[in-house]
């Protein structure tokens, strides 16, 4: 029985796996801000505090999340 081959190049799969932890951490942080902080502190500008307190994490996380989708 032959395994199904992917139509994507191997380098793309490897880069996807490298970006996955950053994108996941970014998504969890944004979800936390959208749900928990909004319930506890009222309406939020989602991503505003993250972008000002940890700008490098915000930029790399947003870029990683974007590259995960594209």
PDB file of N, CA and C in Angstrom:
ATOM      1  N   UNK A   1       0.840  -1.177   0.000  1.00  0.00           N
ATOM      2  CA  UNK A   1       0.000   0.000   0.000  1.00  0.00           C
ATOM      3  C   UNK A   1       0.888   1.244   0.000  1.00  0.00           C
ATOM      4  N   UNK A   2       0.632   2.105  -0.930  1.00  0.00           N
ATOM      5  CA  UNK A   2       1.446   3.301  -1.058  1.00  0.00           C
ATOM      6  C   UNK A   2       0.791   4.466  -0.313  1.00  0.00           C
ATOM      7  N   UNK A   3       1.602   5.210   0.436  1.00  0.00           N
ATOM      8  CA  UNK A   3       1.089   6.372   1.162  1.00  0.00           C
ATOM      9  C   UNK A   3       0.827   7.517   0.199  1.00  0.00           C
ATOM     10  N   UNK A   4      -0.174   8.290   0.507  1.00  0.00           N
ATOM     11  CA  UNK A   4      -0.502   9.435  -0.338  1.00  0.00           C
ATOM     12  C   UNK A   4       0.598  10.485  -0.224  1.00  0.00           C
ATOM     13  N   UNK A   5       1.020  11.007  -1.348  1.00  0.00           N
ATOM     14  CA  UNK A   5       2.059  12.032  -1.361  1.00  0.00           C
ATOM     15  C   UNK A   5       1.415  13.403  -1.333  1.00  0.00           C
ATOM     16  N   UNK A   6       2.070  14.302  -0.673  1.00  0.00           N
ATOM     17  CA  UNK A   6       1.571  15.669  -0.590  1.00  0.00           C
ATOM     18  C   UNK A   6       1.902  16.416  -1.872  1.00  0.00           C
ATOM     19  N   UNK A   7       1.030  17.311  -2.269  1.00  0.00           N
ATOM     20  CA  UNK A   7       1.306  18.120  -3.454  1.00  0.00           C
ATOM     21  C   UNK A   7       2.129  19.360  -3.092  1.00  0.00           C
ATOM     22  N   UNK A   8       2.365  19.582  -1.790  1.00  0.00           N
ATOM     23  CA  UNK A   8       3.167  20.716  -1.348  1.00  0.00           C
ATOM     24  C   UNK A   8       4.631  20.320  -1.243  1.00  0.00           C
ATOM     25  N   UNK A   9       5.537  21.262  -1.516  1.00  0.00           N
ATOM     26  CA  UNK A   9       6.959  20.946  -1.367  1.00  0.00           C
ATOM     27  C   UNK A   9       7.332  20.733   0.098  1.00  0.00           C
ATOM     28  N   UNK A  10       8.396  19.984   0.332  1.00  0.00           N
ATOM     29  CA  UNK A  10       8.821  19.652   1.696  1.00  0.00           C
ATOM     30  C   UNK A  10       9.207  20.892   2.486  1.00  0.00           C
ATOM     31  N   UNK A  11       9.856  21.874   1.845  1.00  0.00           N
ATOM     32  CA  UNK A  11      10.279  23.077   2.562  1.00  0.00           C
ATOM     33  C   UNK A  11       9.091  23.859   3.099  1.00  0.00           C
ATOM     34  N   UNK A  12       7.975  23.787   2.408  1.00  0.00           N
ATOM     35  CA  UNK A  12       6.792  24.497   2.864  1.00  0.00           C
ATOM     36  C   UNK A  12       6.222  23.844   4.120  1.00  0.00           C
ATOM     37  N   UNK A  13       6.243  22.537   4.179  1.00  0.00           N
ATOM     38  CA  UNK A  13       5.793  21.834   5.373  1.00  0.00           C
ATOM     39  C   UNK A  13       6.686  22.114   6.572  1.00  0.00           C
ATOM     40  N   UNK A  14       7.984  22.163   6.339  1.00  0.00           N
ATOM     41  CA  UNK A  14       8.928  22.448   7.420  1.00  0.00           C
ATOM     42  C   UNK A  14       8.751  23.870   7.929  1.00  0.00           C
ATOM     43  N   UNK A  15       8.610  24.832   7.017  1.00  0.00           N
ATOM     44  CA  UNK A  15       8.412  26.222   7.453  1.00  0.00           C
ATOM     45  C   UNK A  15       7.084  26.379   8.186  1.00  0.00           C
ATOM     46  N   UNK A  16       6.074  25.648   7.766  1.00  0.00           N
ATOM     47  CA  UNK A  16       4.786  25.692   8.450  1.00  0.00           C
ATOM     48  C   UNK A  16       4.941  25.214   9.892  1.00  0.00           C
ATOM     49  N   UNK A  17       5.696  24.143  10.089  1.00  0.00           N
ATOM     50  CA  UNK A  17       5.929  23.627  11.440  1.00  0.00           C
ATOM     51  C   UNK A  17       6.751  24.596  12.288  1.00  0.00           C
ATOM     52  N   UNK A  18       7.642  25.355  11.662  1.00  0.00           N
ATOM     53  CA  UNK A  18       8.435  26.341  12.401  1.00  0.00           C
ATOM     54  C   UNK A  18       7.582  27.528  12.841  1.00  0.00           C
ATOM     55  N   UNK A  19       6.639  27.937  12.024  1.00  0.00           N
ATOM     56  CA  UNK A  19       5.786  29.076  12.353  1.00  0.00           C
ATOM     57  C   UNK A  19       4.643  28.706  13.294  1.00  0.00           C
ATOM     58  N   UNK A  20       4.321  27.430  13.382  1.00  0.00           N
ATOM     59  CA  UNK A  20       3.181  26.988  14.174  1.00  0.00           C
ATOM     60  C   UNK A  20       3.219  27.431  15.640  1.00  0.00           C
ATOM     61  N   UNK A  21       4.314  27.269  16.381  1.00  0.00           N
ATOM     62  CA  UNK A  21       4.300  27.675  17.796  1.00  0.00           C
ATOM     63  C   UNK A  21       4.057  29.170  17.993  1.00  0.00           C
ATOM     64  N   UNK A  22       4.682  30.004  17.153  1.00  0.00           N
ATOM     65  CA  UNK A  22       4.474  31.450  17.278  1.00  0.00           C
ATOM     66  C   UNK A  22       3.043  31.836  16.946  1.00  0.00           C
ATOM     67  N   UNK A  23       2.512  31.260  15.888  1.00  0.00           N
ATOM     68  CA  UNK A  23       1.140  31.578  15.490  1.00  0.00           C
ATOM     69  C   UNK A  23       0.137  31.109  16.542  1.00  0.00           C
ATOM     70  N   UNK A  24       0.380  29.947  17.111  1.00  0.00           N
ATOM     71  CA  UNK A  24      -0.515  29.422  18.138  1.00  0.00           C
ATOM     72  C   UNK A  24      -0.469  30.281  19.404  1.00  0.00           C
ATOM     73  N   UNK A  25       0.735  30.670  19.829  1.00  0.00           N
ATOM     74  CA  UNK A  25       0.865  31.531  21.004  1.00  0.00           C
ATOM     75  C   UNK A  25       0.179  32.875  20.778  1.00  0.00           C
ATOM     76  N   UNK A  26       0.322  33.428  19.583  1.00  0.00           N
ATOM     77  CA  UNK A  26      -0.320  34.698  19.249  1.00  0.00           C
ATOM     78  C   UNK A  26      -1.848  34.551  19.268  1.00  0.00           C
ATOM     79  N   UNK A  27      -2.356  33.494  18.682  1.00  0.00           N
ATOM     80  CA  UNK A  27      -3.799  33.275  18.643  1.00  0.00           C
ATOM     81  C   UNK A  27      -4.378  33.084  20.039  1.00  0.00           C
ATOM     82  N   UNK A  28      -3.667  32.353  20.890  1.00  0.00           N
ATOM     83  CA  UNK A  28      -4.135  32.146  22.270  1.00  0.00           C
ATOM     84  C   UNK A  28      -4.153  33.467  23.025  1.00  0.00           C
ATOM     85  N   UNK A  29      -3.125  34.294  22.851  1.00  0.00           N
ATOM     86  CA  UNK A  29      -3.065  35.584  23.550  1.00  0.00           C
ATOM     87  C   UNK A  29      -4.186  36.501  23.100  1.00  0.00           C
ATOM     88  N   UNK A  30      -4.465  36.551  21.828  1.00  0.00           N
ATOM     89  CA  UNK A  30      -5.550  37.394  21.308  1.00  0.00           C
ATOM     90  C   UNK A  30      -6.898  36.860  21.786  1.00  0.00           C
ATOM     91  N   UNK A  31      -7.083  35.549  21.790  1.00  0.00           N
ATOM     92  CA  UNK A  31      -8.341  34.969  22.284  1.00  0.00           C
ATOM     93  C   UNK A  31      -8.528  35.283  23.764  1.00  0.00           C
ATOM     94  N   UNK A  32      -7.448  35.232  24.549  1.00  0.00           N
ATOM     95  CA  UNK A  32      -7.502  35.578  25.974  1.00  0.00           C
ATOM     96  C   UNK A  32      -7.969  37.027  26.143  1.00  0.00           C
ATOM     97  N   UNK A  33      -7.391  37.911  25.352  1.00  0.00           N
ATOM     98  CA  UNK A  33      -7.748  39.324  25.454  1.00  0.00           C
ATOM     99  C   UNK A  33      -9.194  39.559  25.005  1.00  0.00           C
ATOM    100  N   UNK A  34      -9.655  38.835  24.002  1.00  0.00           N
ATOM    101  CA  UNK A  34     -11.011  39.020  23.486  1.00  0.00           C
ATOM    102  C   UNK A  34     -12.070  38.492  24.447  1.00  0.00           C
ATOM    103  N   UNK A  35     -11.747  37.456  25.221  1.00  0.00           N
ATOM    104  CA  UNK A  35     -12.766  36.842  26.064  1.00  0.00           C
ATOM    105  C   UNK A  35     -12.620  37.228  27.534  1.00  0.00           C
ATOM    106  N   UNK A  36     -11.545  36.808  28.161  1.00  0.00           N
ATOM    107  CA  UNK A  36     -11.389  36.982  29.604  1.00  0.00           C
ATOM    108  C   UNK A  36     -11.281  38.452  29.978  1.00  0.00           C
ATOM    109  N   UNK A  37     -10.408  39.193  29.296  1.00  0.00           N
ATOM    110  CA  UNK A  37     -10.253  40.608  29.654  1.00  0.00           C
ATOM    111  C   UNK A  37     -11.507  41.405  29.359  1.00  0.00           C
ATOM    112  N   UNK A  38     -12.210  41.059  28.297  1.00  0.00           N
ATOM    113  CA  UNK A  38     -13.446  41.776  27.984  1.00  0.00           C
ATOM    114  C   UNK A  38     -14.503  41.517  29.050  1.00  0.00           C
ATOM    115  N   UNK A  39     -14.578  40.286  29.555  1.00  0.00           N
ATOM    116  CA  UNK A  39     -15.544  39.983  30.618  1.00  0.00           C
ATOM    117  C   UNK A  39     -15.162  40.683  31.920  1.00  0.00           C
ATOM    118  N   UNK A  40     -13.861  40.742  32.228  1.00  0.00           N
ATOM    119  CA  UNK A  40     -13.422  41.299  33.503  1.00  0.00           C
ATOM    120  C   UNK A  40     -13.260  42.816  33.473  1.00  0.00           C
ATOM    121  N   UNK A  41     -12.799  43.374  32.376  1.00  0.00           N
ATOM    122  CA  UNK A  41     -12.446  44.794  32.313  1.00  0.00           C
ATOM    123  C   UNK A  41     -13.311  45.617  31.375  1.00  0.00           C
ATOM    124  N   UNK A  42     -14.255  44.992  30.694  1.00  0.00           N
ATOM    125  CA  UNK A  42     -15.096  45.725  29.761  1.00  0.00           C
ATOM    126  C   UNK A  42     -14.518  45.678  28.351  1.00  0.00           C
ATOM    127  N   UNK A  43     -15.086  46.474  27.452  1.00  0.00           N
ATOM    128  CA  UNK A  43     -14.654  46.454  26.050  1.00  0.00           C
ATOM    129  C   UNK A  43     -13.150  46.738  25.908  1.00  0.00           C
ATOM    130  N   UNK A  44     -12.523  46.032  24.999  1.00  0.00           N
ATOM    131  CA  UNK A  44     -11.083  46.137  24.785  1.00  0.00           C
ATOM    132  C   UNK A  44     -10.786  46.514  23.340  1.00  0.00           C
ATOM    133  N   UNK A  45      -9.643  47.175  23.147  1.00  0.00           N
ATOM    134  CA  UNK A  45      -9.068  47.325  21.814  1.00  0.00           C
ATOM    135  C   UNK A  45      -8.151  46.120  21.649  1.00  0.00           C
ATOM    136  N   UNK A  46      -8.667  45.069  21.047  1.00  0.00           N
ATOM    137  CA  UNK A  46      -7.966  43.784  20.988  1.00  0.00           C
ATOM    138  C   UNK A  46      -6.630  43.945  20.266  1.00  0.00           C
ATOM    139  N   UNK A  47      -5.574  43.492  20.923  1.00  0.00           N
ATOM    140  CA  UNK A  47      -4.231  43.581  20.378  1.00  0.00           C
ATOM    141  C   UNK A  47      -3.502  44.854  20.745  1.00  0.00           C
ATOM    142  N   UNK A  48      -4.202  45.858  21.258  1.00  0.00           N
ATOM    143  CA  UNK A  48      -3.572  47.143  21.583  1.00  0.00           C
ATOM    144  C   UNK A  48      -2.530  46.984  22.681  1.00  0.00           C
ATOM    145  N   UNK A  49      -2.911  46.347  23.785  1.00  0.00           N
ATOM    146  CA  UNK A  49      -1.951  46.190  24.881  1.00  0.00           C
ATOM    147  C   UNK A  49      -0.813  45.264  24.472  1.00  0.00           C
ATOM    148  N   UNK A  50      -1.114  44.222  23.733  1.00  0.00           N
ATOM    149  CA  UNK A  50      -0.069  43.301  23.274  1.00  0.00           C
ATOM    150  C   UNK A  50       0.910  44.020  22.363  1.00  0.00           C
ATOM    151  N   UNK A  51       0.412  44.840  21.476  1.00  0.00           N
ATOM    152  CA  UNK A  51       1.268  45.569  20.550  1.00  0.00           C
ATOM    153  C   UNK A  51       2.139  46.612  21.221  1.00  0.00           C
ATOM    154  N   UNK A  52       1.704  47.139  22.359  1.00  0.00           N
ATOM    155  CA  UNK A  52       2.479  48.166  23.043  1.00  0.00           C
ATOM    156  C   UNK A  52       3.385  47.606  24.140  1.00  0.00           C
ATOM    157  N   UNK A  53       3.003  46.503  24.744  1.00  0.00           N
ATOM    158  CA  UNK A  53       3.829  45.920  25.795  1.00  0.00           C
ATOM    159  C   UNK A  53       4.890  44.984  25.208  1.00  0.00           C
ATOM    160  N   UNK A  54       4.504  44.184  24.214  1.00  0.00           N
ATOM    161  CA  UNK A  54       5.414  43.218  23.577  1.00  0.00           C
ATOM    162  C   UNK A  54       5.353  43.393  22.059  1.00  0.00           C
ATOM    163  N   UNK A  55       5.917  44.464  21.520  1.00  0.00           N
ATOM    164  CA  UNK A  55       5.774  44.708  20.074  1.00  0.00           C
ATOM    165  C   UNK A  55       6.449  43.650  19.202  1.00  0.00           C
ATOM    166  N   UNK A  56       7.595  43.117  19.632  1.00  0.00           N
ATOM    167  CA  UNK A  56       8.271  42.102  18.820  1.00  0.00           C
ATOM    168  C   UNK A  56       7.431  40.827  18.741  1.00  0.00           C
ATOM    169  N   UNK A  57       6.848  40.411  19.865  1.00  0.00           N
ATOM    170  CA  UNK A  57       5.971  39.245  19.864  1.00  0.00           C
ATOM    171  C   UNK A  57       4.740  39.499  18.994  1.00  0.00           C
ATOM    172  N   UNK A  58       4.197  40.712  19.069  1.00  0.00           N
ATOM    173  CA  UNK A  58       3.025  41.050  18.269  1.00  0.00           C
ATOM    174  C   UNK A  58       3.340  40.965  16.775  1.00  0.00           C
ATOM    175  N   UNK A  59       4.459  41.525  16.365  1.00  0.00           N
ATOM    176  CA  UNK A  59       4.815  41.534  14.944  1.00  0.00           C
ATOM    177  C   UNK A  59       5.114  40.124  14.443  1.00  0.00           C
ATOM    178  N   UNK A  60       5.941  39.376  15.181  1.00  0.00           N
ATOM    179  CA  UNK A  60       6.257  38.022  14.734  1.00  0.00           C
ATOM    180  C   UNK A  60       5.043  37.103  14.815  1.00  0.00           C
ATOM    181  N   UNK A  61       4.206  37.288  15.827  1.00  0.00           N
ATOM    182  CA  UNK A  61       2.998  36.468  15.935  1.00  0.00           C
ATOM    183  C   UNK A  61       2.009  36.757  14.834  1.00  0.00           C
ATOM    184  N   UNK A  62       1.801  38.027  14.531  1.00  0.00           N
ATOM    185  CA  UNK A  62       0.881  38.384  13.453  1.00  0.00           C
ATOM    186  C   UNK A  62       1.404  37.881  12.105  1.00  0.00           C
ATOM    187  N   UNK A  63       2.706  38.029  11.875  1.00  0.00           N
ATOM    188  CA  UNK A  63       3.292  37.541  10.629  1.00  0.00           C
ATOM    189  C   UNK A  63       3.200  36.020  10.542  1.00  0.00           C
ATOM    190  N   UNK A  64       3.475  35.336  11.635  1.00  0.00           N
ATOM    191  CA  UNK A  64       3.392  33.869  11.639  1.00  0.00           C
ATOM    192  C   UNK A  64       1.952  33.401  11.402  1.00  0.00           C
ATOM    193  N   UNK A  65       0.994  34.060  12.050  1.00  0.00           N
ATOM    194  CA  UNK A  65      -0.405  33.685  11.864  1.00  0.00           C
ATOM    195  C   UNK A  65      -0.832  33.911  10.409  1.00  0.00           C
ATOM    196  N   UNK A  66      -0.365  35.011   9.816  1.00  0.00           N
ATOM    197  CA  UNK A  66      -0.684  35.290   8.432  1.00  0.00           C
ATOM    198  C   UNK A  66      -0.078  34.231   7.509  1.00  0.00           C
ATOM    199  N   UNK A  67       1.183  33.866   7.766  1.00  0.00           N
ATOM    200  CA  UNK A  67       1.849  32.875   6.918  1.00  0.00           C
ATOM    201  C   UNK A  67       1.257  31.489   7.089  1.00  0.00           C
ATOM    202  N   UNK A  68       0.658  31.218   8.241  1.00  0.00           N
ATOM    203  CA  UNK A  68      -0.002  29.919   8.445  1.00  0.00           C
ATOM    204  C   UNK A  68      -1.228  29.795   7.549  1.00  0.00           C
ATOM    205  N   UNK A  69      -1.899  30.897   7.313  1.00  0.00           N
ATOM    206  CA  UNK A  69      -3.119  30.880   6.503  1.00  0.00           C
ATOM    207  C   UNK A  69      -2.782  30.897   5.012  1.00  0.00           C
ATOM    208  N   UNK A  70      -1.783  31.660   4.640  1.00  0.00           N
ATOM    209  CA  UNK A  70      -1.410  31.788   3.234  1.00  0.00           C
ATOM    210  C   UNK A  70      -0.633  30.611   2.841  1.00  0.00           C
TER     211      UNK A  70
END
